[in-house]
N, C-alpha and C. Protein backbone atom coordinates (compact mmCIF):
# COMPACT_ATOMS: atom_id res chain seq x y z
N MET A 1 -28.67 26.93 1.25
CA MET A 1 -28.11 26.25 1.42
C MET A 1 -28.87 25.21 1.53
N LYS A 2 -29.62 24.78 1.75
CA LYS A 2 -30.80 23.76 1.70
C LYS A 2 -29.59 22.77 0.90
N GLY A 3 -30.16 23.27 -0.63
CA GLY A 3 -28.87 22.28 -1.13
C GLY A 3 -27.67 22.02 -0.84
N LEU A 4 -26.58 22.69 -0.18
CA LEU A 4 -25.61 22.49 -0.37
C LEU A 4 -25.24 21.37 1.35
N SER A 5 -26.90 21.42 1.62
CA SER A 5 -26.53 20.34 2.92
C SER A 5 -26.98 19.50 1.98
N GLY A 6 -27.72 18.88 1.60
CA GLY A 6 -27.95 17.66 -0.14
C GLY A 6 -27.22 16.44 -0.31
N LEU A 7 -26.12 18.29 -0.49
CA LEU A 7 -24.87 17.37 -1.05
C LEU A 7 -24.17 17.23 -0.41
N LEU A 8 -23.36 17.42 0.90
CA LEU A 8 -23.08 16.79 2.12
C LEU A 8 -24.01 15.70 2.42
N ILE A 9 -25.31 15.52 2.94
CA ILE A 9 -25.61 14.46 2.58
C ILE A 9 -24.83 13.09 2.22
N LEU A 10 -25.63 13.73 0.77
CA LEU A 10 -25.23 12.49 0.02
C LEU A 10 -23.50 12.52 -0.88
N PHE A 11 -23.05 13.12 0.36
CA PHE A 11 -21.94 13.03 0.48
C PHE A 11 -21.12 11.47 1.29
N VAL A 12 -21.99 11.89 2.19
CA VAL A 12 -21.81 11.27 3.32
C VAL A 12 -22.12 9.42 3.33
N PHE A 13 -23.18 9.33 2.67
CA PHE A 13 -23.36 8.36 2.77
C PHE A 13 -22.89 7.82 1.30
N THR A 14 -22.06 7.77 0.26
CA THR A 14 -22.10 7.80 -0.76
C THR A 14 -20.28 6.74 -0.23
N LEU A 15 -19.59 7.88 0.83
CA LEU A 15 -18.52 6.92 1.33
C LEU A 15 -18.85 6.34 2.42
N ALA A 16 -19.79 5.70 3.21
CA ALA A 16 -20.84 5.07 4.21
C ALA A 16 -20.87 3.97 3.25
N GLY A 17 -21.44 3.86 1.84
CA GLY A 17 -21.35 3.29 1.82
C GLY A 17 -20.21 2.12 0.86
N CYS A 18 -19.90 2.76 0.64
CA CYS A 18 -18.23 2.07 -0.16
C CYS A 18 -17.56 1.25 1.08
N ASN A 19 -17.83 1.91 2.17
CA ASN A 19 -17.60 0.43 3.32
C ASN A 19 -15.91 0.96 4.13
N LEU A 20 -15.17 2.55 3.35
CA LEU A 20 -13.50 2.65 3.26
C LEU A 20 -13.41 3.54 4.29
N GLU A 21 -12.90 2.67 4.63
CA GLU A 21 -12.12 3.09 6.51
C GLU A 21 -10.60 2.85 6.15
N ALA A 22 -9.70 4.97 6.95
CA ALA A 22 -8.72 4.61 7.61
C ALA A 22 -7.59 3.37 7.96
N LYS A 23 -6.63 2.71 7.64
CA LYS A 23 -6.44 1.62 8.27
C LYS A 23 -4.61 2.02 8.12
N THR A 24 -3.66 1.19 9.04
CA THR A 24 -3.10 0.99 8.42
C THR A 24 -2.28 -0.35 8.13
N LEU A 25 -0.93 -0.56 7.18
CA LEU A 25 -1.05 -1.05 7.22
C LEU A 25 -1.25 -2.66 7.44
N SER A 26 -0.28 -2.86 8.58
CA SER A 26 -0.75 -3.44 9.79
C SER A 26 -2.61 -3.96 10.07
N GLN A 27 -2.81 -3.39 9.56
CA GLN A 27 -5.28 -3.38 9.88
C GLN A 27 -5.28 -4.27 8.11
N PHE A 28 -4.62 -4.24 6.91
CA PHE A 28 -3.91 -4.05 5.95
C PHE A 28 -3.71 -6.10 6.21
N PHE A 29 -3.23 -5.86 6.75
CA PHE A 29 -2.51 -7.70 6.36
C PHE A 29 -2.78 -8.46 7.38
N GLU A 30 -3.34 -9.87 6.65
CA GLU A 30 -4.15 -10.76 7.46
C GLU A 30 -3.14 -11.53 7.91
N GLY A 31 -2.69 -11.20 9.35
CA GLY A 31 -1.10 -12.65 9.27
C GLY A 31 -0.36 -11.53 10.09
N ASP A 32 0.88 -12.30 10.39
CA ASP A 32 1.88 -12.25 11.22
C ASP A 32 2.80 -11.33 10.19
N PHE A 33 3.70 -9.73 10.77
CA PHE A 33 4.37 -9.37 9.83
C PHE A 33 5.50 -10.36 10.50
N ASN A 34 6.46 -11.80 11.27
CA ASN A 34 6.91 -12.22 11.58
C ASN A 34 7.33 -13.12 10.49
N GLU A 35 6.33 -13.68 10.29
CA GLU A 35 5.81 -14.60 9.76
C GLU A 35 6.37 -14.65 7.43
N VAL A 36 6.93 -12.59 7.29
CA VAL A 36 7.09 -12.43 6.23
C VAL A 36 8.43 -12.91 5.75
N ASN A 37 8.93 -14.11 4.73
CA ASN A 37 10.13 -13.89 4.77
C ASN A 37 11.07 -13.52 3.78
N LYS A 38 10.31 -13.61 2.49
CA LYS A 38 10.35 -12.50 1.73
C LYS A 38 9.81 -11.72 0.74
N ILE A 39 9.65 -10.54 -0.14
CA ILE A 39 9.04 -9.21 -0.07
C ILE A 39 10.27 -9.01 -1.33
N THR A 40 8.90 -8.37 -2.38
CA THR A 40 9.18 -8.12 -4.26
C THR A 40 8.22 -7.15 -4.00
N ILE A 41 9.89 -6.29 -4.03
CA ILE A 41 9.13 -4.99 -4.68
C ILE A 41 9.17 -4.33 -6.47
N VAL A 42 8.07 -3.84 -7.36
CA VAL A 42 8.52 -4.02 -8.90
C VAL A 42 8.26 -1.94 -9.45
N ASP A 43 8.76 -2.00 -10.19
CA ASP A 43 8.84 -0.47 -10.38
C ASP A 43 8.17 -0.75 -11.38
N GLY A 44 7.19 0.04 -11.21
CA GLY A 44 6.25 0.33 -12.49
C GLY A 44 6.66 1.25 -13.77
N SER A 45 7.79 2.00 -12.92
CA SER A 45 8.61 2.73 -14.68
C SER A 45 9.44 2.14 -15.42
N THR A 46 10.11 1.00 -14.58
CA THR A 46 10.84 0.34 -15.72
C THR A 46 10.50 -0.79 -15.42
N GLY A 47 9.37 -1.45 -15.28
CA GLY A 47 9.66 -3.52 -14.61
C GLY A 47 10.14 -3.77 -14.65
N TYR A 48 10.89 -3.92 -13.65
CA TYR A 48 12.17 -3.93 -12.92
C TYR A 48 11.60 -4.55 -11.62
N LYS A 49 11.93 -5.96 -10.48
CA LYS A 49 12.51 -6.18 -9.21
C LYS A 49 13.01 -6.29 -8.30
N LYS A 50 13.03 -6.18 -7.41
CA LYS A 50 14.11 -6.29 -6.35
C LYS A 50 13.48 -7.40 -5.40
N THR A 51 14.39 -8.61 -5.05
CA THR A 51 12.99 -9.33 -3.39
C THR A 51 14.28 -9.63 -2.34
N ILE A 52 13.34 -9.24 -1.69
CA ILE A 52 14.29 -9.36 -0.53
C ILE A 52 14.33 -10.54 0.74
N THR A 53 15.32 -11.19 0.92
CA THR A 53 14.41 -12.20 1.82
C THR A 53 15.47 -12.62 2.50
N ASP A 54 17.04 -11.28 3.65
CA ASP A 54 17.06 -11.14 4.16
C ASP A 54 16.19 -10.43 4.93
N ILE A 55 16.14 -11.55 6.41
CA ILE A 55 14.69 -11.49 7.44
C ILE A 55 14.85 -9.81 8.01
N ARG A 56 16.10 -9.72 8.59
CA ARG A 56 16.56 -8.60 8.92
C ARG A 56 16.01 -6.80 7.94
N VAL A 57 16.12 -7.60 6.82
CA VAL A 57 15.88 -6.46 6.07
C VAL A 57 15.08 -5.52 6.28
N ILE A 58 13.99 -7.32 5.85
CA ILE A 58 12.46 -7.19 5.63
C ILE A 58 11.13 -6.84 6.78
N GLU A 59 12.82 -7.43 7.96
CA GLU A 59 11.61 -6.06 9.59
C GLU A 59 12.29 -4.97 9.00
N GLY A 60 12.93 -4.65 9.03
CA GLY A 60 13.99 -3.13 9.13
C GLY A 60 12.42 -2.28 7.92
N PHE A 61 12.32 -2.84 6.98
CA PHE A 61 11.56 -2.29 5.79
C PHE A 61 10.37 -2.24 6.38
N LEU A 62 9.07 -3.64 6.87
CA LEU A 62 8.07 -3.44 7.41
C LEU A 62 7.94 -2.16 8.88
N ALA A 63 9.23 -2.57 9.23
CA ALA A 63 8.98 -1.69 10.39
C ALA A 63 8.50 0.26 10.55
N GLU A 64 8.82 0.19 9.22
CA GLU A 64 9.21 1.87 9.14
C GLU A 64 7.65 1.87 8.32
N LEU A 65 7.05 0.32 7.36
CA LEU A 65 5.80 0.78 6.85
C LEU A 65 4.09 -0.38 7.74
N LYS A 66 4.72 -0.68 8.98
CA LYS A 66 3.43 -0.57 9.73
C LYS A 66 2.37 0.17 10.11
N ASP A 67 3.12 1.45 10.52
CA ASP A 67 2.06 2.18 10.70
C ASP A 67 1.33 3.73 10.16
N ILE A 68 1.86 3.02 8.78
CA ILE A 68 1.51 4.22 7.75
C ILE A 68 0.08 3.89 7.71
N ARG A 69 -1.09 5.36 7.26
CA ARG A 69 -1.92 5.32 7.31
C ARG A 69 -2.77 5.38 6.00
N PHE A 70 -3.58 4.32 5.70
CA PHE A 70 -3.62 4.23 4.71
C PHE A 70 -5.58 5.52 4.28
N ILE A 71 -5.21 6.23 3.74
CA ILE A 71 -7.43 6.71 4.30
C ILE A 71 -7.37 7.02 2.11
N PRO A 72 -8.61 6.77 2.30
CA PRO A 72 -9.85 6.49 1.16
C PRO A 72 -10.15 7.74 0.13
N GLU A 73 -9.36 7.44 -0.88
CA GLU A 73 -9.12 8.90 -1.56
C GLU A 73 -10.84 8.76 -2.53
N VAL A 74 -11.43 9.75 -2.32
CA VAL A 74 -12.94 10.33 -2.47
C VAL A 74 -13.27 9.49 -4.12
N ASN A 75 -11.88 10.38 -4.95
CA ASN A 75 -12.14 9.21 -6.38
C ASN A 75 -11.81 8.02 -6.00
N GLN A 76 -12.82 7.25 -6.42
CA GLN A 76 -12.82 6.12 -7.58
C GLN A 76 -12.13 5.20 -7.85
N GLU A 77 -12.20 5.58 -8.47
CA GLU A 77 -12.15 5.31 -10.39
C GLU A 77 -11.33 4.84 -10.97
N GLN A 78 -10.82 3.29 -11.67
CA GLN A 78 -10.24 3.29 -12.27
C GLN A 78 -9.13 3.82 -12.28
N ARG A 79 -7.75 3.99 -12.20
CA ARG A 79 -6.50 4.34 -12.93
C ARG A 79 -5.37 3.66 -13.72
N ASP A 80 -4.30 4.12 -14.58
CA ASP A 80 -3.87 3.80 -15.15
C ASP A 80 -2.59 4.17 -14.42
N GLY A 81 -1.27 3.10 -14.82
CA GLY A 81 -0.55 2.84 -13.76
C GLY A 81 0.19 2.71 -11.83
N TRP A 82 1.22 2.97 -11.85
CA TRP A 82 0.97 2.85 -10.73
C TRP A 82 2.99 2.31 -11.00
N ARG A 83 3.69 3.34 -9.52
CA ARG A 83 4.55 3.37 -8.62
C ARG A 83 5.54 2.56 -8.63
N TYR A 84 5.30 1.95 -7.45
CA TYR A 84 5.22 0.50 -6.78
C TYR A 84 4.78 -0.35 -6.67
N SER A 85 4.83 -1.35 -6.81
CA SER A 85 3.97 -2.47 -6.35
C SER A 85 4.19 -3.32 -5.10
N ILE A 86 3.81 -4.27 -4.18
CA ILE A 86 5.29 -4.98 -2.96
C ILE A 86 4.07 -5.44 -3.04
N ILE A 87 4.27 -7.00 -2.55
CA ILE A 87 4.59 -8.23 -2.54
C ILE A 87 4.94 -9.04 -1.37
N LEU A 88 4.46 -9.16 -0.04
CA LEU A 88 4.71 -10.10 1.00
C LEU A 88 5.09 -11.73 0.99
N PHE A 89 5.62 -12.67 0.50
CA PHE A 89 5.04 -13.30 0.97
C PHE A 89 5.31 -14.54 2.74
N LYS A 90 4.69 -15.54 2.60
CA LYS A 90 5.01 -15.96 3.97
C LYS A 90 5.28 -17.51 3.18
N GLY A 91 6.26 -18.27 3.25
CA GLY A 91 6.52 -20.20 3.15
C GLY A 91 6.13 -20.15 1.95
N GLY A 92 6.59 -19.17 0.91
CA GLY A 92 7.12 -19.90 -0.30
C GLY A 92 6.37 -18.92 -1.19
N GLU A 93 4.82 -18.25 -0.64
CA GLU A 93 3.53 -17.94 -1.32
C GLU A 93 3.37 -16.29 -1.10
N ALA A 94 2.75 -16.07 -1.65
CA ALA A 94 1.92 -14.43 -2.01
C ALA A 94 0.75 -14.49 -0.81
N ALA A 95 1.18 -13.62 0.11
CA ALA A 95 0.28 -13.18 0.89
C ALA A 95 -0.85 -12.36 0.90
N PHE A 96 0.58 -10.88 0.22
CA PHE A 96 -0.29 -9.67 0.38
C PHE A 96 0.22 -8.26 -0.87
N HIS A 97 -0.59 -8.60 -1.88
CA HIS A 97 -0.07 -7.12 -3.18
C HIS A 97 -0.86 -5.75 -2.62
N PHE A 98 -0.02 -4.97 -2.99
CA PHE A 98 0.30 -3.98 -2.64
C PHE A 98 0.07 -2.59 -3.79
N GLY A 99 -0.36 -1.82 -4.02
CA GLY A 99 0.97 -1.35 -4.58
C GLY A 99 0.41 0.94 -2.70
N LEU A 100 1.21 1.74 -3.38
CA LEU A 100 1.44 2.57 -2.41
C LEU A 100 0.00 3.19 -2.77
N THR A 101 -0.72 3.49 -3.43
CA THR A 101 -1.99 4.36 -3.72
C THR A 101 -2.99 3.57 -3.64
N GLU A 102 -2.50 1.92 -3.32
CA GLU A 102 -4.38 1.28 -4.13
C GLU A 102 -3.89 0.18 -3.17
N VAL A 103 -4.67 -0.63 -2.26
CA VAL A 103 -4.75 -1.69 -1.60
C VAL A 103 -6.80 -2.59 -2.19
N ASN A 104 -6.35 -3.06 -2.02
CA ASN A 104 -7.91 -4.59 -2.62
C ASN A 104 -8.36 -4.15 -3.12
N ASP A 105 -8.02 -3.58 -4.44
CA ASP A 105 -8.94 -2.74 -5.38
C ASP A 105 -9.43 -1.68 -5.12
N HIS A 106 -9.16 -0.79 -4.17
CA HIS A 106 -9.49 0.89 -3.85
C HIS A 106 -8.28 2.03 -3.60
N TYR A 107 -8.11 3.14 -4.09
CA TYR A 107 -7.25 3.75 -4.10
C TYR A 107 -7.66 4.67 -2.14
N TYR A 108 -6.11 5.13 -2.13
CA TYR A 108 -5.34 5.51 -0.95
C TYR A 108 -4.53 6.79 -1.87
N TYR A 109 -4.37 7.33 -0.48
CA TYR A 109 -3.38 8.53 0.12
C TYR A 109 -3.41 7.65 1.24
N THR A 110 -1.81 9.09 1.65
CA THR A 110 -1.13 7.97 2.92
C THR A 110 -0.54 8.80 3.68
N LYS A 111 -0.55 9.21 5.36
CA LYS A 111 0.15 10.00 6.21
C LYS A 111 0.77 9.01 6.37
N PRO A 112 2.60 9.05 7.28
CA PRO A 112 2.66 10.02 6.23
C PRO A 112 3.55 9.77 5.11
N ASP A 113 3.43 10.17 3.94
CA ASP A 113 3.49 10.09 2.36
C ASP A 113 4.30 8.61 2.11
N ILE A 114 3.78 7.14 1.92
CA ILE A 114 4.87 5.97 1.23
C ILE A 114 5.81 6.12 0.54
N HIS A 115 5.99 7.14 -1.25
CA HIS A 115 6.19 7.03 -1.77
C HIS A 115 7.70 7.63 -1.46
N PRO A 116 8.00 8.43 -0.66
CA PRO A 116 9.61 8.90 -0.65
C PRO A 116 10.32 7.69 -0.10
N ILE A 117 9.10 6.58 1.43
CA ILE A 117 10.17 5.90 2.02
C ILE A 117 10.48 4.33 1.24
N VAL A 118 9.31 3.83 0.25
CA VAL A 118 9.88 3.45 -0.33
C VAL A 118 10.72 3.28 -1.70
N ASP A 119 10.59 4.50 -1.94
CA ASP A 119 11.10 4.70 -3.17
C ASP A 119 12.73 5.24 -2.55
N ASP A 120 13.33 5.40 -1.43
CA ASP A 120 14.36 5.71 -1.45
C ASP A 120 15.37 3.84 -0.12
N PHE A 121 14.09 3.70 -0.56
CA PHE A 121 14.52 2.14 0.07
C PHE A 121 14.78 1.24 -1.04
N TYR A 122 14.07 1.26 -2.21
CA TYR A 122 14.26 0.69 -3.63
C TYR A 122 15.52 0.99 -3.77
N LYS A 123 15.33 2.14 -3.95
CA LYS A 123 17.05 2.46 -4.94
C LYS A 123 18.42 2.53 -4.25
N ASN A 124 18.02 2.40 -2.19
CA ASN A 124 19.39 2.01 -1.72
C ASN A 124 19.28 0.27 -1.77
N LEU A 125 18.61 -0.58 -2.33
CA LEU A 125 18.28 -1.37 -1.11
C LEU A 125 19.40 -2.22 -2.36
N ASP A 126 20.60 -2.85 -1.80
CA ASP A 126 22.06 -3.67 -2.54
C ASP A 126 21.56 -4.75 -3.06
N VAL A 127 20.15 -5.41 -3.89
CA VAL A 127 20.48 -6.14 -4.90
C VAL A 127 20.34 -6.27 -6.01
N GLN A 128 20.29 -6.98 -6.28
CA GLN A 128 20.58 -7.03 -8.49
C GLN A 128 18.63 -6.83 -8.62
N GLU A 129 18.41 -6.30 -9.36
CA GLU A 129 17.07 -6.19 -10.51
C GLU A 129 16.80 -7.11 -11.01
N GLU A 130 15.87 -7.22 -11.13
CA GLU A 130 15.49 -8.82 -12.39
C GLU A 130 14.72 -8.67 -13.53
């Protein structure tokens, strides 16, 4: 039992040392979502991307994502590949970039699962792939 307690303490200190905590997308984004005037979503499996500039579509998409919780993965080892990459623009410049499982070079899982939301949005978006 003593070994298990030591292992648990080491695990807690490891997580604390990473300074990672669960956050919503709104907490990661430094700024006001109302200032986002363009979103680019890149499909990691094809390399194609779709760019959205319609403010109503942007507002609806961000409303679906803003409260999703990004919870740190225990394993923070480098990974290859990604499903979707999302870039938020303000005034023509990239303001924030994140993936479905990666934000600021750290890995997360999400609650609720962000993948089906973004996948459905991307596939049903009436915008030409580039």
